[in-house]
Amino acid sequence: MFDLSINNETVLDNFDILAVQGMQYVQVQEFELEVETNEILLDFGTVKDKPILSGLEIIQIK
């Protein structure tokens, strides 16, 4: 269980991947944000155990 903030905005709060899908399935989360500084800050906050990130894709939308 963990929290995720992107550019200081919480996008996942107490996220429990096991409760959502379990470990046998792919879990995809999508977030849209505006980037003004050409930087994206990801902050994982531990609630219980360690956060899991297996992949990351960033797509620029014009």
Protein backbone atom coordinates (compact mmCIF):
# COMPACT_ATOMS: atom_id res chain seq x y z
CA MET A 1 0.00 0.00 0.00
CA PHE A 2 1.47 3.33 -1.03
CA ASP A 3 0.78 6.92 -2.06
CA LEU A 4 1.93 8.54 -5.29
CA SER A 5 2.28 12.26 -5.89
CA ILE A 6 3.15 13.78 -9.26
CA ASN A 7 4.49 17.33 -9.13
CA ASN A 8 3.27 17.60 -5.51
CA GLU A 9 -0.30 16.55 -6.38
CA THR A 10 -1.54 13.28 -4.84
CA VAL A 11 -2.81 10.95 -7.57
CA LEU A 12 -2.91 7.69 -5.59
CA ASP A 13 -3.78 7.63 -1.90
CA ASN A 14 -3.34 4.42 0.10
CA PHE A 15 -3.20 2.47 -3.18
CA ASP A 16 -3.32 -1.28 -2.54
CA ILE A 17 -2.42 -3.15 -5.73
CA LEU A 18 -3.35 -6.52 -4.20
CA ALA A 19 -6.85 -5.31 -3.36
CA VAL A 20 -7.37 -3.89 -6.87
CA GLN A 21 -6.14 -6.71 -9.13
CA GLY A 22 -3.80 -9.05 -7.32
CA MET A 23 -0.26 -9.86 -8.39
CA GLN A 24 -1.25 -12.09 -11.33
CA TYR A 25 -2.58 -9.26 -13.49
CA VAL A 26 -1.25 -6.07 -15.04
CA GLN A 27 -2.38 -2.91 -13.29
CA VAL A 28 -2.40 0.28 -15.40
CA GLN A 29 -2.93 3.74 -13.95
CA GLU A 30 -3.18 6.81 -16.21
CA PHE A 31 -2.74 10.43 -15.17
CA GLU A 32 -2.81 13.64 -17.20
CA LEU A 33 -0.89 16.68 -16.08
CA GLU A 34 0.47 19.93 -17.42
CA VAL A 35 4.23 20.37 -17.21
CA GLU A 36 5.53 23.91 -17.25
CA THR A 37 9.10 23.40 -16.01
CA ASN A 38 10.12 20.44 -18.22
CA GLU A 39 10.38 18.34 -15.04
CA ILE A 40 8.13 15.65 -13.62
CA LEU A 41 8.57 14.81 -9.94
CA LEU A 42 7.33 11.39 -8.78
CA ASP A 43 7.11 10.91 -5.01
CA PHE A 44 6.21 7.50 -3.61
CA GLY A 45 5.05 7.51 -0.01
CA THR A 46 5.15 4.23 1.85
CA VAL A 47 1.99 3.38 3.79
CA LYS A 48 2.66 -0.35 4.18
CA ASP A 49 5.51 -2.36 2.65
CA LYS A 50 7.32 -0.88 -0.37
CA PRO A 51 5.86 0.84 -3.47
CA ILE A 52 5.91 -1.13 -6.75
CA LEU A 53 6.67 0.40 -10.15
CA SER A 54 7.34 -2.01 -13.00
CA GLY A 55 7.11 0.41 -15.90
CA LEU A 56 6.55 4.04 -16.79
CA GLU A 57 5.44 5.62 -20.05
CA ILE A 58 5.31 9.35 -20.61
CA ILE A 59 3.50 10.64 -23.69
CA GLN A 60 3.51 14.27 -24.76
CA ILE A 61 0.10 15.48 -25.90
CA LYS A 62 0.13 18.56 -28.08
